[in-house]
Amino acid sequence: MIKIVGITLLVLVLLVTACGQADQAPQEAGIAEIGLAFEVPADWQQVAGQNAWTPSQDSGVRVGVDWMELEPPMEVEAVMLPGQSQVLASEPVTLSWAGGRRITLEVYVSPWEGEGRAPVESVESHVLVVRTDGGTRLAVDFYASAPTEEALKEAESVLQRMVDSSRLDGD
């Protein structure tokens, strides 16, 4: 009896583990207008009308991609990062198709009417890359956003997978 229960339990653990791994399988996503493709977790839901995904609508955690063509004298950080924020960390990044920076920041409640420093609304990590092709400068912002630093750490692995799997048509 103990042997059968042990084997049954082992099979059950293996099935649960396999199901959990299946949930981690990626789904292909992208932005057709610019020919960008990348992967997001298959079990994450796309936010309606946005290039953003969340593990659940009420989690406060999301990853996404924004883009724009930069016109001189636009700088990617000035036009793509939230205004009421403070940079916590910044480092260079290189993708196969572009280079840029990874920036982690705190975003504050805006507008803030109270005294002292505004409360933190979210903590975000942005991978800003710029690709120059002829006279066009394409800026792409891969981002993760969460209500706390701890929650952001969990979302950053998904962000990194998006960035690592990203590719542009023609590359």
N, C-alpha and C. Protein backbone atom coordinates (compact mmCIF):
# COMPACT_ATOMS: atom_id res chain seq x y z
N MET A 1 0.83 -1.20 0.00
CA MET A 1 0.00 0.00 0.00
C MET A 1 0.86 1.25 0.00
N ILE A 2 1.91 1.28 0.85
CA ILE A 2 2.78 2.46 0.92
C ILE A 2 3.48 2.66 -0.41
N LYS A 3 3.93 1.56 -1.06
CA LYS A 3 4.62 1.66 -2.34
C LYS A 3 3.69 2.25 -3.40
N ILE A 4 2.46 1.82 -3.46
CA ILE A 4 1.50 2.33 -4.44
C ILE A 4 1.21 3.81 -4.19
N VAL A 5 1.01 4.19 -2.94
CA VAL A 5 0.76 5.58 -2.60
C VAL A 5 1.98 6.43 -2.98
N GLY A 6 3.18 5.92 -2.68
CA GLY A 6 4.41 6.64 -3.04
C GLY A 6 4.54 6.84 -4.53
N ILE A 7 4.27 5.80 -5.31
CA ILE A 7 4.34 5.89 -6.77
C ILE A 7 3.27 6.84 -7.29
N THR A 8 2.06 6.73 -6.76
CA THR A 8 0.98 7.63 -7.16
C THR A 8 1.34 9.07 -6.87
N LEU A 9 1.92 9.30 -5.69
CA LEU A 9 2.32 10.66 -5.32
C LEU A 9 3.42 11.17 -6.26
N LEU A 10 4.38 10.32 -6.59
CA LEU A 10 5.45 10.71 -7.50
C LEU A 10 4.89 11.06 -8.87
N VAL A 11 3.96 10.26 -9.39
CA VAL A 11 3.34 10.54 -10.68
C VAL A 11 2.57 11.86 -10.63
N LEU A 12 1.86 12.09 -9.54
CA LEU A 12 1.11 13.33 -9.37
C LEU A 12 2.05 14.53 -9.35
N VAL A 13 3.17 14.43 -8.63
CA VAL A 13 4.16 15.51 -8.59
C VAL A 13 4.73 15.77 -9.98
N LEU A 14 5.04 14.71 -10.72
CA LEU A 14 5.56 14.86 -12.08
C LEU A 14 4.54 15.53 -13.00
N LEU A 15 3.27 15.17 -12.86
CA LEU A 15 2.22 15.79 -13.69
C LEU A 15 2.07 17.27 -13.36
N VAL A 16 2.06 17.61 -12.08
CA VAL A 16 1.94 19.01 -11.68
C VAL A 16 3.13 19.80 -12.18
N THR A 17 4.34 19.23 -12.07
CA THR A 17 5.54 19.90 -12.55
C THR A 17 5.46 20.09 -14.06
N ALA A 18 5.03 19.09 -14.79
CA ALA A 18 4.93 19.21 -16.24
C ALA A 18 3.90 20.27 -16.63
N CYS A 19 2.78 20.32 -15.92
CA CYS A 19 1.77 21.34 -16.21
C CYS A 19 2.32 22.74 -15.93
N GLY A 20 3.04 22.88 -14.84
CA GLY A 20 3.65 24.17 -14.52
C GLY A 20 4.62 24.61 -15.58
N GLN A 21 5.41 23.66 -16.12
CA GLN A 21 6.35 24.00 -17.18
C GLN A 21 5.62 24.35 -18.46
N ALA A 22 4.50 23.69 -18.73
CA ALA A 22 3.73 24.02 -19.92
C ALA A 22 3.21 25.44 -19.85
N ASP A 23 2.82 25.88 -18.63
CA ASP A 23 2.35 27.25 -18.46
C ASP A 23 3.45 28.26 -18.77
N GLN A 24 4.71 27.86 -18.61
CA GLN A 24 5.82 28.76 -18.85
C GLN A 24 6.20 28.84 -20.33
N ALA A 25 5.59 28.01 -21.17
CA ALA A 25 5.89 28.03 -22.60
C ALA A 25 5.57 29.41 -23.17
N PRO A 26 6.38 29.88 -24.10
CA PRO A 26 6.14 31.22 -24.64
C PRO A 26 5.08 31.24 -25.73
N GLN A 27 4.52 32.41 -25.91
CA GLN A 27 3.67 32.67 -27.07
C GLN A 27 4.35 33.79 -27.86
N GLU A 28 4.23 33.72 -29.16
CA GLU A 28 4.82 34.73 -30.03
C GLU A 28 3.92 35.97 -30.01
N ALA A 29 4.53 37.11 -29.87
CA ALA A 29 3.81 38.39 -29.90
C ALA A 29 4.62 39.34 -30.75
N GLY A 30 4.07 40.49 -31.03
CA GLY A 30 4.83 41.44 -31.82
C GLY A 30 4.05 42.69 -32.18
N ILE A 31 4.75 43.54 -32.92
CA ILE A 31 4.16 44.78 -33.41
C ILE A 31 4.39 44.81 -34.91
N ALA A 32 3.34 44.50 -35.67
CA ALA A 32 3.46 44.35 -37.12
C ALA A 32 3.91 45.64 -37.81
N GLU A 33 3.48 46.80 -37.30
CA GLU A 33 3.83 48.08 -37.96
C GLU A 33 5.33 48.29 -38.10
N ILE A 34 6.10 47.75 -37.17
CA ILE A 34 7.55 47.94 -37.23
C ILE A 34 8.30 46.63 -37.47
N GLY A 35 7.56 45.53 -37.63
CA GLY A 35 8.19 44.24 -37.89
C GLY A 35 8.92 43.66 -36.70
N LEU A 36 8.44 43.95 -35.49
CA LEU A 36 9.07 43.46 -34.27
C LEU A 36 8.34 42.22 -33.76
N ALA A 37 9.10 41.19 -33.41
CA ALA A 37 8.55 39.97 -32.82
C ALA A 37 9.30 39.67 -31.53
N PHE A 38 8.61 39.06 -30.56
CA PHE A 38 9.20 38.70 -29.27
C PHE A 38 8.30 37.68 -28.61
N GLU A 39 8.77 37.12 -27.49
CA GLU A 39 8.01 36.11 -26.76
C GLU A 39 7.52 36.64 -25.42
N VAL A 40 6.31 36.22 -25.05
CA VAL A 40 5.76 36.47 -23.72
C VAL A 40 5.22 35.13 -23.20
N PRO A 41 5.06 34.97 -21.88
CA PRO A 41 4.52 33.71 -21.36
C PRO A 41 3.12 33.43 -21.90
N ALA A 42 2.88 32.19 -22.26
CA ALA A 42 1.59 31.80 -22.83
C ALA A 42 0.44 32.01 -21.85
N ASP A 43 0.72 31.93 -20.55
CA ASP A 43 -0.36 32.06 -19.56
C ASP A 43 -0.59 33.50 -19.11
N TRP A 44 0.13 34.48 -19.71
CA TRP A 44 -0.12 35.89 -19.40
C TRP A 44 -1.18 36.41 -20.37
N GLN A 45 -2.02 37.34 -19.88
CA GLN A 45 -3.11 37.90 -20.68
C GLN A 45 -2.70 39.24 -21.28
N GLN A 46 -3.08 39.46 -22.54
CA GLN A 46 -2.80 40.76 -23.15
C GLN A 46 -3.79 41.78 -22.61
N VAL A 47 -3.27 42.96 -22.28
CA VAL A 47 -4.11 44.06 -21.81
C VAL A 47 -4.82 44.64 -23.03
N ALA A 48 -6.13 44.77 -22.95
CA ALA A 48 -6.94 45.21 -24.08
C ALA A 48 -6.43 46.53 -24.67
N GLY A 49 -6.22 46.53 -25.98
CA GLY A 49 -5.84 47.74 -26.70
C GLY A 49 -4.39 48.18 -26.50
N GLN A 50 -3.56 47.33 -25.87
CA GLN A 50 -2.17 47.71 -25.61
C GLN A 50 -1.23 46.58 -25.99
N ASN A 51 0.02 46.94 -26.20
CA ASN A 51 1.08 45.94 -26.39
C ASN A 51 1.66 45.64 -25.01
N ALA A 52 0.80 45.13 -24.11
CA ALA A 52 1.18 44.86 -22.72
C ALA A 52 0.51 43.56 -22.28
N TRP A 53 1.19 42.85 -21.35
CA TRP A 53 0.70 41.58 -20.84
C TRP A 53 0.82 41.56 -19.33
N THR A 54 -0.07 40.80 -18.69
CA THR A 54 -0.10 40.72 -17.23
C THR A 54 -0.42 39.28 -16.81
N PRO A 55 0.13 38.84 -15.66
CA PRO A 55 -0.23 37.49 -15.20
C PRO A 55 -1.68 37.42 -14.74
N SER A 56 -2.22 38.53 -14.25
CA SER A 56 -3.64 38.64 -13.90
C SER A 56 -3.99 40.13 -13.86
N GLN A 57 -5.21 40.44 -14.20
CA GLN A 57 -5.63 41.84 -14.33
C GLN A 57 -5.51 42.63 -13.02
N ASP A 58 -5.58 41.95 -11.89
CA ASP A 58 -5.53 42.66 -10.61
C ASP A 58 -4.17 42.59 -9.92
N SER A 59 -3.14 42.09 -10.60
CA SER A 59 -1.82 41.93 -9.96
C SER A 59 -1.02 43.23 -9.88
N GLY A 60 -1.31 44.18 -10.76
CA GLY A 60 -0.51 45.40 -10.79
C GLY A 60 0.81 45.22 -11.51
N VAL A 61 1.09 43.99 -11.98
CA VAL A 61 2.32 43.67 -12.70
C VAL A 61 2.00 43.60 -14.18
N ARG A 62 2.90 44.21 -14.99
CA ARG A 62 2.73 44.10 -16.44
C ARG A 62 4.07 44.25 -17.12
N VAL A 63 4.14 43.68 -18.30
CA VAL A 63 5.28 43.90 -19.20
C VAL A 63 4.69 44.40 -20.51
N GLY A 64 5.48 45.14 -21.26
CA GLY A 64 4.96 45.65 -22.52
C GLY A 64 6.04 46.24 -23.40
N VAL A 65 5.59 46.74 -24.53
CA VAL A 65 6.47 47.36 -25.51
C VAL A 65 5.79 48.59 -26.08
N ASP A 66 6.51 49.71 -26.06
CA ASP A 66 6.08 50.94 -26.73
C ASP A 66 7.14 51.27 -27.77
N TRP A 67 6.77 52.04 -28.76
CA TRP A 67 7.73 52.42 -29.78
C TRP A 67 7.35 53.76 -30.39
N MET A 68 8.33 54.40 -31.01
CA MET A 68 8.06 55.62 -31.77
C MET A 68 9.26 55.92 -32.66
N GLU A 69 9.01 56.69 -33.71
CA GLU A 69 10.11 57.18 -34.53
C GLU A 69 10.56 58.50 -33.93
N LEU A 70 11.85 58.60 -33.67
CA LEU A 70 12.41 59.81 -33.07
C LEU A 70 12.76 60.83 -34.15
N GLU A 71 12.35 62.05 -33.93
CA GLU A 71 12.71 63.16 -34.81
C GLU A 71 13.74 64.01 -34.07
N PRO A 72 14.74 64.54 -34.79
CA PRO A 72 15.71 65.42 -34.11
C PRO A 72 14.98 66.61 -33.50
N PRO A 73 15.28 67.02 -32.32
CA PRO A 73 16.36 66.62 -31.41
C PRO A 73 15.90 65.67 -30.32
N MET A 74 14.86 64.87 -30.55
CA MET A 74 14.31 63.97 -29.52
C MET A 74 15.37 63.00 -28.99
N GLU A 75 15.34 62.81 -27.67
CA GLU A 75 16.17 61.80 -27.02
C GLU A 75 15.23 60.75 -26.42
N VAL A 76 15.58 59.49 -26.57
CA VAL A 76 14.70 58.39 -26.20
C VAL A 76 14.26 58.45 -24.73
N GLU A 77 15.18 58.74 -23.81
CA GLU A 77 14.81 58.78 -22.39
C GLU A 77 13.78 59.87 -22.11
N ALA A 78 13.95 61.02 -22.72
CA ALA A 78 13.06 62.15 -22.47
C ALA A 78 11.64 61.90 -22.97
N VAL A 79 11.50 61.18 -24.06
CA VAL A 79 10.16 61.00 -24.63
C VAL A 79 9.49 59.69 -24.25
N MET A 80 10.24 58.71 -23.74
CA MET A 80 9.63 57.41 -23.47
C MET A 80 9.54 57.03 -21.99
N LEU A 81 10.32 57.67 -21.14
CA LEU A 81 10.24 57.34 -19.71
C LEU A 81 9.19 58.21 -19.02
N PRO A 82 8.58 57.70 -17.94
CA PRO A 82 7.60 58.49 -17.20
C PRO A 82 8.23 59.77 -16.65
N GLY A 83 7.45 60.86 -16.61
CA GLY A 83 7.96 62.15 -16.18
C GLY A 83 8.29 62.26 -14.71
N GLN A 84 7.39 61.88 -13.85
CA GLN A 84 7.60 62.00 -12.40
C GLN A 84 8.28 60.73 -11.90
N SER A 85 9.59 60.66 -12.08
CA SER A 85 10.30 59.44 -11.70
C SER A 85 11.74 59.75 -11.30
N GLN A 86 12.36 58.77 -10.67
CA GLN A 86 13.75 58.88 -10.27
C GLN A 86 14.48 57.61 -10.70
N VAL A 87 15.62 57.77 -11.38
CA VAL A 87 16.41 56.64 -11.84
C VAL A 87 17.11 55.98 -10.65
N LEU A 88 16.95 54.66 -10.53
CA LEU A 88 17.61 53.89 -9.48
C LEU A 88 18.87 53.20 -10.01
N ALA A 89 18.85 52.81 -11.29
CA ALA A 89 19.99 52.13 -11.90
C ALA A 89 19.92 52.30 -13.41
N SER A 90 21.10 52.26 -14.04
CA SER A 90 21.18 52.39 -15.50
C SER A 90 22.43 51.67 -15.99
N GLU A 91 22.27 50.88 -17.04
CA GLU A 91 23.41 50.18 -17.61
C GLU A 91 23.20 49.98 -19.11
N PRO A 92 24.30 49.90 -19.88
CA PRO A 92 24.17 49.71 -21.33
C PRO A 92 23.70 48.29 -21.66
N VAL A 93 22.99 48.17 -22.78
CA VAL A 93 22.56 46.87 -23.30
C VAL A 93 22.85 46.82 -24.80
N THR A 94 23.06 45.61 -25.29
CA THR A 94 23.26 45.42 -26.72
C THR A 94 22.39 44.25 -27.17
N LEU A 95 21.53 44.50 -28.14
CA LEU A 95 20.73 43.46 -28.75
C LEU A 95 21.35 43.17 -30.11
N SER A 96 20.93 42.12 -30.76
CA SER A 96 21.49 41.79 -32.07
C SER A 96 21.12 42.84 -33.12
N TRP A 97 20.06 43.60 -32.87
CA TRP A 97 19.58 44.54 -33.88
C TRP A 97 19.64 46.00 -33.43
N ALA A 98 20.05 46.28 -32.20
CA ALA A 98 20.13 47.67 -31.72
C ALA A 98 20.86 47.72 -30.37
N GLY A 99 21.24 48.91 -29.98
CA GLY A 99 21.86 49.12 -28.68
C GLY A 99 21.06 50.12 -27.87
N GLY A 100 21.30 50.17 -26.57
CA GLY A 100 20.57 51.11 -25.74
C GLY A 100 20.95 50.99 -24.28
N ARG A 101 19.96 51.22 -23.40
CA ARG A 101 20.18 51.21 -21.95
C ARG A 101 19.04 50.49 -21.24
N ARG A 102 19.39 49.87 -20.13
CA ARG A 102 18.39 49.30 -19.21
C ARG A 102 18.34 50.26 -18.03
N ILE A 103 17.14 50.76 -17.74
CA ILE A 103 16.97 51.78 -16.70
C ILE A 103 15.89 51.30 -15.73
N THR A 104 16.22 51.31 -14.44
CA THR A 104 15.24 50.97 -13.41
C THR A 104 14.91 52.26 -12.67
N LEU A 105 13.61 52.49 -12.43
CA LEU A 105 13.21 53.74 -11.79
C LEU A 105 11.98 53.59 -10.92
N GLU A 106 11.83 54.55 -10.02
CA GLU A 106 10.61 54.67 -9.23
C GLU A 106 9.75 55.72 -9.91
N VAL A 107 8.46 55.44 -10.04
CA VAL A 107 7.51 56.39 -10.62
C VAL A 107 6.63 56.89 -9.48
N TYR A 108 6.51 58.20 -9.38
CA TYR A 108 5.76 58.82 -8.29
C TYR A 108 4.35 59.22 -8.70
N VAL A 109 3.46 59.26 -7.71
CA VAL A 109 2.09 59.70 -7.93
C VAL A 109 2.13 61.13 -8.49
N SER A 110 1.38 61.33 -9.55
CA SER A 110 1.36 62.65 -10.19
C SER A 110 -0.07 62.97 -10.58
N PRO A 111 -0.54 64.15 -10.38
CA PRO A 111 0.11 65.25 -9.66
C PRO A 111 0.03 65.02 -8.16
N TRP A 112 1.04 65.50 -7.44
CA TRP A 112 1.11 65.34 -5.99
C TRP A 112 0.86 66.69 -5.34
N GLU A 113 -0.16 66.79 -4.51
CA GLU A 113 -0.54 68.04 -3.85
C GLU A 113 -0.05 68.11 -2.41
N GLY A 114 0.36 66.98 -1.84
CA GLY A 114 0.74 66.93 -0.43
C GLY A 114 2.11 67.50 -0.17
N GLU A 115 2.49 67.44 1.08
CA GLU A 115 3.80 67.94 1.48
C GLU A 115 4.83 66.82 1.37
N GLY A 116 6.07 67.20 1.16
CA GLY A 116 7.15 66.23 1.07
C GLY A 116 7.15 65.51 -0.27
N ARG A 117 7.86 64.43 -0.27
CA ARG A 117 8.03 63.63 -1.49
C ARG A 117 6.75 62.87 -1.83
N ALA A 118 6.42 62.81 -3.11
CA ALA A 118 5.24 62.08 -3.56
C ALA A 118 5.42 60.58 -3.31
N PRO A 119 4.32 59.87 -3.03
CA PRO A 119 4.42 58.42 -2.83
C PRO A 119 4.78 57.70 -4.13
N VAL A 120 5.42 56.55 -3.99
CA VAL A 120 5.78 55.73 -5.15
C VAL A 120 4.53 55.05 -5.68
N GLU A 121 4.28 55.24 -6.96
CA GLU A 121 3.14 54.62 -7.63
C GLU A 121 3.52 53.24 -8.17
N SER A 122 4.75 53.14 -8.73
CA SER A 122 5.23 51.86 -9.27
C SER A 122 6.75 51.89 -9.37
N VAL A 123 7.30 50.71 -9.54
CA VAL A 123 8.73 50.55 -9.82
C VAL A 123 8.81 49.92 -11.19
N GLU A 124 9.66 50.46 -12.06
CA GLU A 124 9.69 50.02 -13.45
C GLU A 124 11.11 49.75 -13.92
N SER A 125 11.21 48.84 -14.85
CA SER A 125 12.47 48.58 -15.54
C SER A 125 12.19 48.75 -17.02
N HIS A 126 13.02 49.56 -17.69
CA HIS A 126 12.86 49.83 -19.12
C HIS A 126 14.13 49.45 -19.85
N VAL A 127 13.98 48.77 -20.97
CA VAL A 127 15.09 48.52 -21.87
C VAL A 127 14.79 49.37 -23.10
N LEU A 128 15.50 50.49 -23.19
CA LEU A 128 15.30 51.44 -24.28
C LEU A 128 16.37 51.19 -25.34
N VAL A 129 15.94 50.91 -26.56
CA VAL A 129 16.89 50.70 -27.65
C VAL A 129 16.52 51.59 -28.82
N VAL A 130 17.54 52.01 -29.55
CA VAL A 130 17.33 52.86 -30.72
C VAL A 130 18.06 52.23 -31.89
N ARG A 131 17.34 52.08 -32.98
CA ARG A 131 17.93 51.55 -34.21
C ARG A 131 17.84 52.64 -35.27
N THR A 132 18.99 52.95 -35.84
CA THR A 132 19.04 53.92 -36.92
C THR A 132 19.15 53.17 -38.24
N ASP A 133 18.22 53.45 -39.13
CA ASP A 133 18.20 52.78 -40.44
C ASP A 133 17.96 53.85 -41.48
N GLY A 134 19.01 54.23 -42.21
CA GLY A 134 18.89 55.36 -43.13
C GLY A 134 18.70 56.62 -42.32
N GLY A 135 17.66 57.37 -42.60
CA GLY A 135 17.38 58.60 -41.87
C GLY A 135 16.38 58.42 -40.75
N THR A 136 15.96 57.18 -40.50
CA THR A 136 14.94 56.90 -39.49
C THR A 136 15.57 56.38 -38.21
N ARG A 137 15.14 56.96 -37.07
CA ARG A 137 15.57 56.47 -35.76
C ARG A 137 14.36 55.86 -35.06
N LEU A 138 14.36 54.53 -34.95
CA LEU A 138 13.28 53.80 -34.31
C LEU A 138 13.64 53.56 -32.85
N ALA A 139 12.80 54.04 -31.93
CA ALA A 139 13.00 53.81 -30.50
C ALA A 139 11.99 52.77 -30.02
N VAL A 140 12.48 51.78 -29.29
CA VAL A 140 11.63 50.72 -28.74
C VAL A 140 11.88 50.65 -27.23
N ASP A 141 10.79 50.63 -26.47
CA ASP A 141 10.84 50.57 -25.01
C ASP A 141 10.19 49.27 -24.55
N PHE A 142 11.02 48.29 -24.18
CA PHE A 142 10.53 47.08 -23.52
C PHE A 142 10.48 47.41 -22.03
N TYR A 143 9.36 47.17 -21.38
CA TYR A 143 9.27 47.57 -19.97
C TYR A 143 8.56 46.54 -19.11
N ALA A 144 8.87 46.60 -17.82
CA ALA A 144 8.15 45.85 -16.79
C ALA A 144 7.77 46.85 -15.72
N SER A 145 6.56 46.72 -15.20
CA SER A 145 6.07 47.64 -14.18
C SER A 145 5.37 46.84 -13.08
N ALA A 146 5.61 47.24 -11.83
CA ALA A 146 5.01 46.55 -10.69
C ALA A 146 4.83 47.54 -9.54
N PRO A 147 3.95 47.22 -8.60
CA PRO A 147 3.73 48.14 -7.47
C PRO A 147 4.89 48.20 -6.49
N THR A 148 5.74 47.15 -6.44
CA THR A 148 6.86 47.12 -5.50
C THR A 148 8.11 46.58 -6.18
N GLU A 149 9.27 46.81 -5.54
CA GLU A 149 10.52 46.27 -6.07
C GLU A 149 10.51 44.75 -6.09
N GLU A 150 9.93 44.12 -5.07
CA GLU A 150 9.87 42.66 -5.00
C GLU A 150 9.07 42.11 -6.17
N ALA A 151 7.92 42.71 -6.45
CA ALA A 151 7.09 42.26 -7.56
C ALA A 151 7.79 42.52 -8.90
N LEU A 152 8.55 43.60 -8.99
CA LEU A 152 9.28 43.90 -10.23
C LEU A 152 10.33 42.84 -10.49
N LYS A 153 11.00 42.36 -9.45
CA LYS A 153 12.03 41.32 -9.63
C LYS A 153 11.44 40.10 -10.32
N GLU A 154 10.23 39.73 -9.97
CA GLU A 154 9.57 38.59 -10.60
C GLU A 154 9.26 38.88 -12.07
N ALA A 155 8.85 40.09 -12.38
CA ALA A 155 8.50 40.45 -13.76
C ALA A 155 9.73 40.64 -14.64
N GLU A 156 10.88 40.90 -14.04
CA GLU A 156 12.08 41.16 -14.84
C GLU A 156 12.54 39.95 -15.63
N SER A 157 12.27 38.73 -15.14
CA SER A 157 12.65 37.54 -15.93
C SER A 157 11.81 37.47 -17.21
N VAL A 158 10.55 37.88 -17.12
CA VAL A 158 9.69 37.92 -18.31
C VAL A 158 10.18 39.01 -19.25
N LEU A 159 10.53 40.18 -18.70
CA LEU A 159 11.07 41.27 -19.50
C LEU A 159 12.34 40.82 -20.22
N GLN A 160 13.23 40.14 -19.50
CA GLN A 160 14.48 39.70 -20.12
C GLN A 160 14.22 38.71 -21.26
N ARG A 161 13.24 37.83 -21.07
CA ARG A 161 12.89 36.89 -22.15
C ARG A 161 12.37 37.63 -23.37
N MET A 162 11.55 38.67 -23.14
CA MET A 162 11.04 39.48 -24.27
C MET A 162 12.20 40.09 -25.04
N VAL A 163 13.13 40.69 -24.30
CA VAL A 163 14.28 41.38 -24.92
C VAL A 163 15.16 40.36 -25.65
N ASP A 164 15.50 39.25 -24.98
CA ASP A 164 16.38 38.24 -25.58
C ASP A 164 15.78 37.61 -26.83
N SER A 165 14.46 37.46 -26.86
CA SER A 165 13.81 36.81 -28.02
C SER A 165 13.44 37.81 -29.11
N SER A 166 13.63 39.09 -28.87
CA SER A 166 13.17 40.11 -29.83
C SER A 166 13.99 40.09 -31.12
N ARG A 167 13.30 40.36 -32.21
CA ARG A 167 13.93 40.45 -33.52
C ARG A 167 13.10 41.34 -34.42
N LEU A 168 13.79 42.02 -35.32
CA LEU A 168 13.12 42.86 -36.32
C LEU A 168 13.16 42.14 -37.66
N ASP A 169 12.11 42.34 -38.47
CA ASP A 169 12.14 41.78 -39.82
C ASP A 169 13.39 42.25 -40.52
N GLY A 170 14.02 41.34 -41.23
CA GLY A 170 15.24 41.70 -41.96
C GLY A 170 16.50 41.46 -41.17
N ASP A 171 16.39 41.05 -39.92
CA ASP A 171 17.59 40.76 -39.10
C ASP A 171 17.75 39.28 -38.90
